[in-house]
């Protein structure tokens, strides 16, 4: 695990370094397409800006199919736990106007947990459909030579398969039993040949009765900051730091001490254009705090439809 984590950290470091270096590539007689201020359409293929800008033109759509895997290992005294998660997210987006985009997503999830002590090993599994999410993005201000682009977003996440926590202790949850309303703000600025971006958000998780107990999960402040660039007409890459701070969970109005969390991770993406309408994105994340997963990786196929 340690060697894999170090390897991924090195890869992310290289991606961040590359994002600050202009790479020249010739493709026949066509000029290299990098990020610039003269043609806003040059950003349409930069997938790492999905949370920061409206990338779809009016009446354009995209469909995406992903495969994600993450693992997290912890050891406290003589107890060692290992959590693994595999998910297949499905997403769709539609450009309503030049400055407005709506989207929706859902995921099939398989979770596995193992807890080992001196005398025993306990394994738990869970599989099913995770929470569904619907949302919208609106560009508030276009980028200019002296100021960044500003985009607002809002989404609602809700469970499709709400389960009782006490019905079967051996079954792991595949999503949250709570509805979540989230708002965010994305800021991005072209600094040829790269783009720098900042995303901040607030997640409000709605209280609900769980097995007869009024449960209020902590509210969360989220953020991510990074940069990326188009290496050539087919490849773009990015690096980022992302995290959140979630307040303590409350049960029947009383906060559970020590239940707050602050996961922070270092990640990156590499996107490859298969053809004019199809792109393949690889991603990886390495946890920087104990609350974050140790390692995560993903592969996403995105198809644009006009």
Protein backbone atom coordinates (compact mmCIF):
# COMPACT_ATOMS: atom_id res chain seq x y z
CA UNK A 1 0.00 0.00 0.00
CA UNK A 2 2.77 2.42 0.93
CA UNK A 3 4.64 1.91 -2.33
CA UNK A 4 1.46 2.36 -4.38
CA UNK A 5 0.64 5.54 -2.50
CA UNK A 6 4.12 6.94 -3.08
CA UNK A 7 3.92 6.05 -6.79
CA UNK A 8 0.59 7.84 -7.20
CA UNK A 9 1.90 10.88 -5.34
CA UNK A 10 4.84 11.04 -7.77
CA UNK A 11 2.47 10.78 -10.75
CA UNK A 12 0.30 13.60 -9.41
CA UNK A 13 3.38 15.74 -8.80
CA UNK A 14 4.44 15.24 -12.40
CA UNK A 15 0.95 16.16 -13.61
CA UNK A 16 1.04 19.40 -11.65
CA UNK A 17 4.50 20.19 -12.98
CA UNK A 18 3.37 19.55 -16.55
CA UNK A 19 0.38 21.85 -15.98
CA UNK A 20 2.79 24.77 -15.65
CA UNK A 21 4.84 24.02 -18.76
CA UNK A 22 3.74 24.74 -22.33
CA UNK A 23 4.06 21.68 -24.52
CA UNK A 24 4.26 22.20 -28.28
CA UNK A 25 3.01 19.56 -30.68
CA UNK A 26 2.42 19.62 -34.41
CA UNK A 27 -0.49 17.71 -35.90
CA UNK A 28 -0.23 17.96 -39.67
CA UNK A 29 -0.83 21.51 -40.89
CA UNK A 30 -3.24 22.43 -38.05
CA UNK A 31 -2.19 24.75 -35.25
CA UNK A 32 -1.92 23.60 -31.65
CA UNK A 33 -5.08 24.23 -29.64
CA UNK A 34 -4.30 25.45 -26.13
CA UNK A 35 -6.28 27.51 -23.70
CA UNK A 36 -6.61 31.11 -24.75
CA UNK A 37 -8.77 34.14 -24.28
CA UNK A 38 -9.71 34.78 -27.91
CA UNK A 39 -11.83 31.69 -28.52
CA UNK A 40 -14.01 30.50 -25.67
CA UNK A 41 -14.80 27.26 -27.51
CA UNK A 42 -11.26 26.05 -26.86
CA UNK A 43 -12.34 25.22 -23.30
CA UNK A 44 -15.13 22.88 -24.34
CA UNK A 45 -12.88 19.80 -24.27
CA UNK A 46 -11.21 20.56 -20.92
CA UNK A 47 -13.10 18.10 -18.77
CA UNK A 48 -11.37 19.11 -15.55
CA UNK A 49 -13.38 22.36 -15.71
CA UNK A 50 -16.73 20.53 -15.43
CA UNK A 51 -17.31 21.85 -11.89
CA UNK A 52 -16.06 25.35 -12.69
CA UNK A 53 -17.66 26.33 -15.99
CA UNK A 54 -20.59 25.67 -18.31
CA UNK A 55 -18.98 23.68 -21.14
CA UNK A 56 -22.04 22.61 -23.16
CA UNK A 57 -23.47 24.69 -25.99
CA UNK A 58 -27.27 25.11 -26.25
CA UNK A 59 -29.04 21.80 -27.06
CA UNK A 60 -25.80 19.83 -26.74
CA UNK A 61 -25.75 16.79 -24.47
CA UNK A 62 -23.19 14.46 -22.94
CA UNK A 63 -23.43 10.95 -21.54
CA UNK A 64 -20.74 9.47 -19.32
CA UNK A 65 -20.01 6.01 -17.95
CA UNK A 66 -17.36 5.60 -15.28
CA UNK A 67 -15.54 2.89 -13.32
CA UNK A 68 -14.15 4.01 -9.96
CA UNK A 69 -12.24 2.14 -7.26
CA UNK A 70 -11.04 3.32 -3.85
CA UNK A 71 -9.43 1.67 -0.86
CA UNK A 72 -8.85 2.83 2.71
CA UNK A 73 -6.87 1.04 5.41
CA UNK A 74 -6.61 1.97 9.09
CA UNK A 75 -5.08 0.37 12.17
CA UNK A 76 -6.00 1.29 15.76
CA UNK A 77 -4.14 -0.64 18.45
CA UNK A 78 -4.60 -4.31 17.53
CA UNK A 79 -7.58 -3.76 15.23
CA UNK A 80 -7.04 -3.35 11.48
CA UNK A 81 -9.77 -2.34 9.07
CA UNK A 82 -9.81 -2.21 5.28
CA UNK A 83 -12.60 -0.67 3.20
CA UNK A 84 -12.95 -1.07 -0.56
CA UNK A 85 -15.47 0.54 -2.86
CA UNK A 86 -16.20 -0.03 -6.56
CA UNK A 87 -18.74 2.13 -8.37
CA UNK A 88 -20.12 2.60 -11.87
CA UNK A 89 -21.44 6.18 -12.14
CA UNK A 90 -23.78 7.17 -14.96
CA UNK A 91 -24.21 10.86 -15.82
CA UNK A 92 -26.04 13.03 -18.32
CA UNK A 93 -25.84 16.75 -19.01
CA UNK A 94 -27.78 19.14 -21.28
CA UNK A 95 -27.01 22.67 -22.42
CA UNK A 96 -30.12 24.77 -21.93
CA UNK A 97 -28.67 28.11 -23.02
CA UNK A 98 -25.20 29.48 -23.73
CA UNK A 99 -24.76 30.08 -19.98
CA UNK A 100 -26.95 27.36 -18.39
CA UNK A 101 -26.48 23.61 -18.05
CA UNK A 102 -28.50 20.92 -16.21
CA UNK A 103 -27.23 17.49 -15.19
CA UNK A 104 -28.14 14.29 -13.40
CA UNK A 105 -26.20 11.28 -12.14
CA UNK A 106 -26.59 7.93 -10.41
CA UNK A 107 -24.19 5.11 -9.53
CA UNK A 108 -24.12 1.36 -9.02
CA UNK A 109 -21.98 0.63 -5.95
CA UNK A 110 -20.28 -2.40 -4.40
CA UNK A 111 -18.72 -1.94 -0.94
CA UNK A 112 -16.65 -4.36 1.11
CA UNK A 113 -15.23 -3.98 4.60
CA UNK A 114 -12.90 -6.25 6.59
CA UNK A 115 -12.05 -5.82 10.26
CA UNK A 116 -9.27 -8.01 11.65
CA UNK A 117 -8.40 -8.54 15.31
CA UNK A 118 -6.15 -11.07 17.03
CA UNK A 119 -8.93 -13.66 17.23
CA UNK A 120 -11.21 -13.01 14.26
CA UNK A 121 -11.85 -11.40 10.89
CA UNK A 122 -15.26 -9.91 10.18
CA UNK A 123 -16.30 -9.14 6.59
CA UNK A 124 -19.27 -7.03 5.52
CA UNK A 125 -20.60 -6.33 2.03
CA UNK A 126 -23.13 -4.06 0.42
CA UNK A 127 -24.28 -3.47 -3.14
CA UNK A 128 -27.00 -1.52 -4.85
CA UNK A 129 -27.93 1.85 -6.30
CA UNK A 130 -26.42 4.92 -4.65
CA UNK A 131 -28.02 8.31 -4.27
CA UNK A 132 -29.38 10.11 -7.31
CA UNK A 133 -28.28 13.70 -7.96
CA UNK A 134 -29.86 16.40 -10.11
CA UNK A 135 -28.38 19.87 -10.55
CA UNK A 136 -27.87 22.98 -12.63
CA UNK A 137 -25.04 25.40 -13.42
CA UNK A 138 -25.29 29.05 -14.44
CA UNK A 139 -22.45 31.26 -15.68
CA UNK A 140 -22.68 34.55 -13.81
CA UNK A 141 -19.75 36.27 -15.48
CA UNK A 142 -17.69 35.48 -18.55
CA UNK A 143 -13.90 35.62 -18.42
CA UNK A 144 -12.17 38.78 -19.58
CA UNK A 145 -8.54 39.79 -19.99
CA UNK A 146 -8.40 41.03 -16.40
CA UNK A 147 -11.04 39.00 -14.50
CA UNK A 148 -12.00 35.32 -14.15
CA UNK A 149 -15.08 33.40 -15.17
CA UNK A 150 -17.61 32.90 -12.34
CA UNK A 151 -20.18 30.08 -12.36
CA UNK A 152 -22.82 29.20 -9.75
CA UNK A 153 -24.15 25.67 -9.22
CA UNK A 154 -26.85 23.96 -7.16
CA UNK A 155 -27.85 20.32 -6.80
CA UNK A 156 -30.01 17.98 -4.77
CA UNK A 157 -29.03 14.42 -3.82
CA UNK A 158 -31.53 11.91 -2.47
CA UNK A 159 -31.57 8.16 -1.66
CA UNK A 160 -33.36 5.74 -4.00
CA UNK A 161 -32.97 2.71 -1.74
CA UNK A 162 -33.35 3.86 1.84
CA UNK A 163 -32.47 1.07 4.29
CA UNK A 164 -32.71 0.68 8.04
CA UNK A 165 -29.31 0.73 9.73
CA UNK A 166 -30.31 -2.00 12.17
CA UNK A 167 -32.01 -4.46 9.81
CA UNK A 168 -28.83 -6.35 9.01
CA UNK A 169 -25.50 -5.36 10.52
CA UNK A 170 -23.60 -7.37 7.91
CA UNK A 171 -24.96 -5.24 5.04
CA UNK A 172 -23.03 -2.09 4.25
CA UNK A 173 -24.77 1.05 3.05
CA UNK A 174 -24.13 1.93 -0.60
CA UNK A 175 -25.32 5.52 -0.32
CA UNK A 176 -26.59 8.00 2.20
CA UNK A 177 -30.02 7.69 3.79
CA UNK A 178 -30.21 11.48 3.83
CA UNK A 179 -31.16 14.14 1.32
CA UNK A 180 -28.51 16.76 0.63
CA UNK A 181 -28.86 20.24 -0.86
CA UNK A 182 -25.63 21.81 -2.13
CA UNK A 183 -24.63 25.15 -3.63
CA UNK A 184 -21.27 26.08 -5.08
CA UNK A 185 -19.24 28.71 -6.87
CA UNK A 186 -16.62 27.99 -9.53
CA UNK A 187 -13.94 30.48 -10.55
CA UNK A 188 -11.49 29.93 -13.41
CA UNK A 189 -8.94 32.06 -15.26
CA UNK A 190 -6.86 31.41 -18.36
CA UNK A 191 -3.15 32.06 -17.93
CA UNK A 192 -1.75 30.75 -21.22
CA UNK A 193 -1.10 27.96 -21.67
CA UNK A 194 -2.90 26.89 -18.48
CA UNK A 195 -6.14 27.46 -16.59
CA UNK A 196 -6.28 27.91 -12.82
CA UNK A 197 -9.53 27.13 -11.01
CA UNK A 198 -11.08 27.38 -7.56
CA UNK A 199 -14.32 25.74 -6.42
CA UNK A 200 -16.03 26.36 -3.08
CA UNK A 201 -19.34 24.98 -1.86
CA UNK A 202 -21.71 24.31 1.02
CA UNK A 203 -23.55 21.02 1.61
CA UNK A 204 -26.60 21.00 3.85
CA UNK A 205 -27.68 17.49 4.84
CA UNK A 206 -31.32 17.37 5.91
CA UNK A 207 -32.18 15.78 9.26
CA UNK A 208 -34.15 12.51 9.22
CA UNK A 209 -35.42 9.82 11.58
CA UNK A 210 -33.04 6.85 11.53
CA UNK A 211 -34.26 3.81 13.50
CA UNK A 212 -36.34 6.07 15.75
CA UNK A 213 -33.52 8.56 16.38
CA UNK A 214 -33.61 12.08 14.98
CA UNK A 215 -30.28 12.28 13.16
CA UNK A 216 -28.69 15.44 11.82
CA UNK A 217 -25.42 14.82 9.95
CA UNK A 218 -22.89 17.63 10.02
CA UNK A 219 -22.96 20.40 7.47
CA UNK A 220 -19.96 20.58 5.14
CA UNK A 221 -17.85 23.26 3.51
CA UNK A 222 -16.09 21.98 0.38
CA UNK A 223 -13.26 23.33 -1.76
CA UNK A 224 -10.86 22.45 -4.54
CA UNK A 225 -8.04 24.39 -6.16
CA UNK A 226 -5.79 23.44 -9.05
CA UNK A 227 -4.65 24.04 -12.60
CA UNK A 228 -4.58 22.26 -15.93
CA UNK A 229 -3.81 22.68 -19.60
CA UNK A 230 -4.23 21.23 -23.06
CA UNK A 231 -1.02 19.44 -23.93
CA UNK A 232 -2.06 19.15 -27.58
CA UNK A 233 -5.23 18.67 -29.63
CA UNK A 234 -5.87 15.26 -28.09
CA UNK A 235 -4.61 15.37 -24.50
CA UNK A 236 -5.29 17.60 -21.50
CA UNK A 237 -4.25 17.15 -17.89
CA UNK A 238 -4.78 18.74 -14.49
CA UNK A 239 -3.78 18.59 -10.84
CA UNK A 240 -5.74 19.73 -7.78
CA UNK A 241 -6.09 19.70 -4.00
CA UNK A 242 -9.63 19.12 -2.74
CA UNK A 243 -11.22 18.68 0.64
CA UNK A 244 -14.01 19.55 3.00
CA UNK A 245 -14.77 20.25 6.64
CA UNK A 246 -17.87 18.58 8.07
CA UNK A 247 -19.27 19.54 11.46
CA UNK A 248 -20.31 17.06 14.17
CA UNK A 249 -23.31 14.77 13.77
CA UNK A 250 -26.23 15.33 16.14
CA UNK A 251 -28.52 12.66 17.59
CA UNK A 252 -31.79 13.94 19.07
CA UNK A 253 -30.25 17.39 19.21
CA UNK A 254 -27.00 16.37 20.94
CA UNK A 255 -23.67 16.54 19.11
CA UNK A 256 -21.49 13.44 19.05
CA UNK A 257 -18.03 14.54 20.18
CA UNK A 258 -15.29 13.68 17.71
CA UNK A 259 -17.66 13.04 14.79
CA UNK A 260 -16.45 15.99 12.72
CA UNK A 261 -14.20 15.16 9.77
CA UNK A 262 -11.77 16.88 7.41
CA UNK A 263 -10.83 14.75 4.41
CA UNK A 264 -8.22 16.32 2.09
CA UNK A 265 -6.79 14.68 -1.02
CA UNK A 266 -4.35 15.37 -3.83
CA UNK A 267 -5.53 14.32 -7.27
CA UNK A 268 -5.17 14.66 -11.00
CA UNK A 269 -6.73 13.80 -14.36
CA UNK A 270 -5.52 12.99 -17.85
CA UNK A 271 -8.05 13.27 -20.71
CA UNK A 272 -7.59 11.73 -24.16
CA UNK A 273 -9.72 12.49 -27.22
CA UNK A 274 -10.78 9.31 -29.01
CA UNK A 275 -12.64 11.26 -31.72
CA UNK A 276 -14.43 14.58 -32.15
CA UNK A 277 -17.25 13.59 -29.78
CA UNK A 278 -15.70 11.03 -27.43
CA UNK A 279 -13.14 11.48 -24.69
CA UNK A 280 -11.59 9.13 -22.15
CA UNK A 281 -10.69 10.50 -18.72
CA UNK A 282 -8.41 8.82 -16.18
CA UNK A 283 -8.24 10.14 -12.63
CA UNK A 284 -6.47 9.36 -9.38
CA UNK A 285 -6.54 10.65 -5.79
CA UNK A 286 -4.29 10.16 -2.79
CA UNK A 287 -5.57 10.94 0.71
CA UNK A 288 -3.61 13.50 2.72
CA UNK A 289 -5.54 13.10 6.01
CA UNK A 290 -6.85 10.10 7.96
CA UNK A 291 -10.45 11.03 7.07
CA UNK A 292 -9.75 10.68 3.34
CA UNK A 293 -9.48 7.38 1.45
CA UNK A 294 -5.91 6.18 0.94
CA UNK A 295 -6.07 5.73 -2.82
CA UNK A 296 -8.72 6.24 -5.48
CA UNK A 297 -8.65 5.81 -9.26
CA UNK A 298 -11.17 6.08 -12.02
CA UNK A 299 -11.84 5.72 -15.74
CA UNK A 300 -14.66 7.65 -17.44
CA UNK A 301 -15.91 7.54 -21.03
CA UNK A 302 -17.70 10.73 -22.11
CA UNK A 303 -19.73 11.03 -25.30
CA UNK A 304 -21.04 14.36 -26.61
CA UNK A 305 -24.26 14.48 -28.63
CA UNK A 306 -25.25 17.50 -30.71
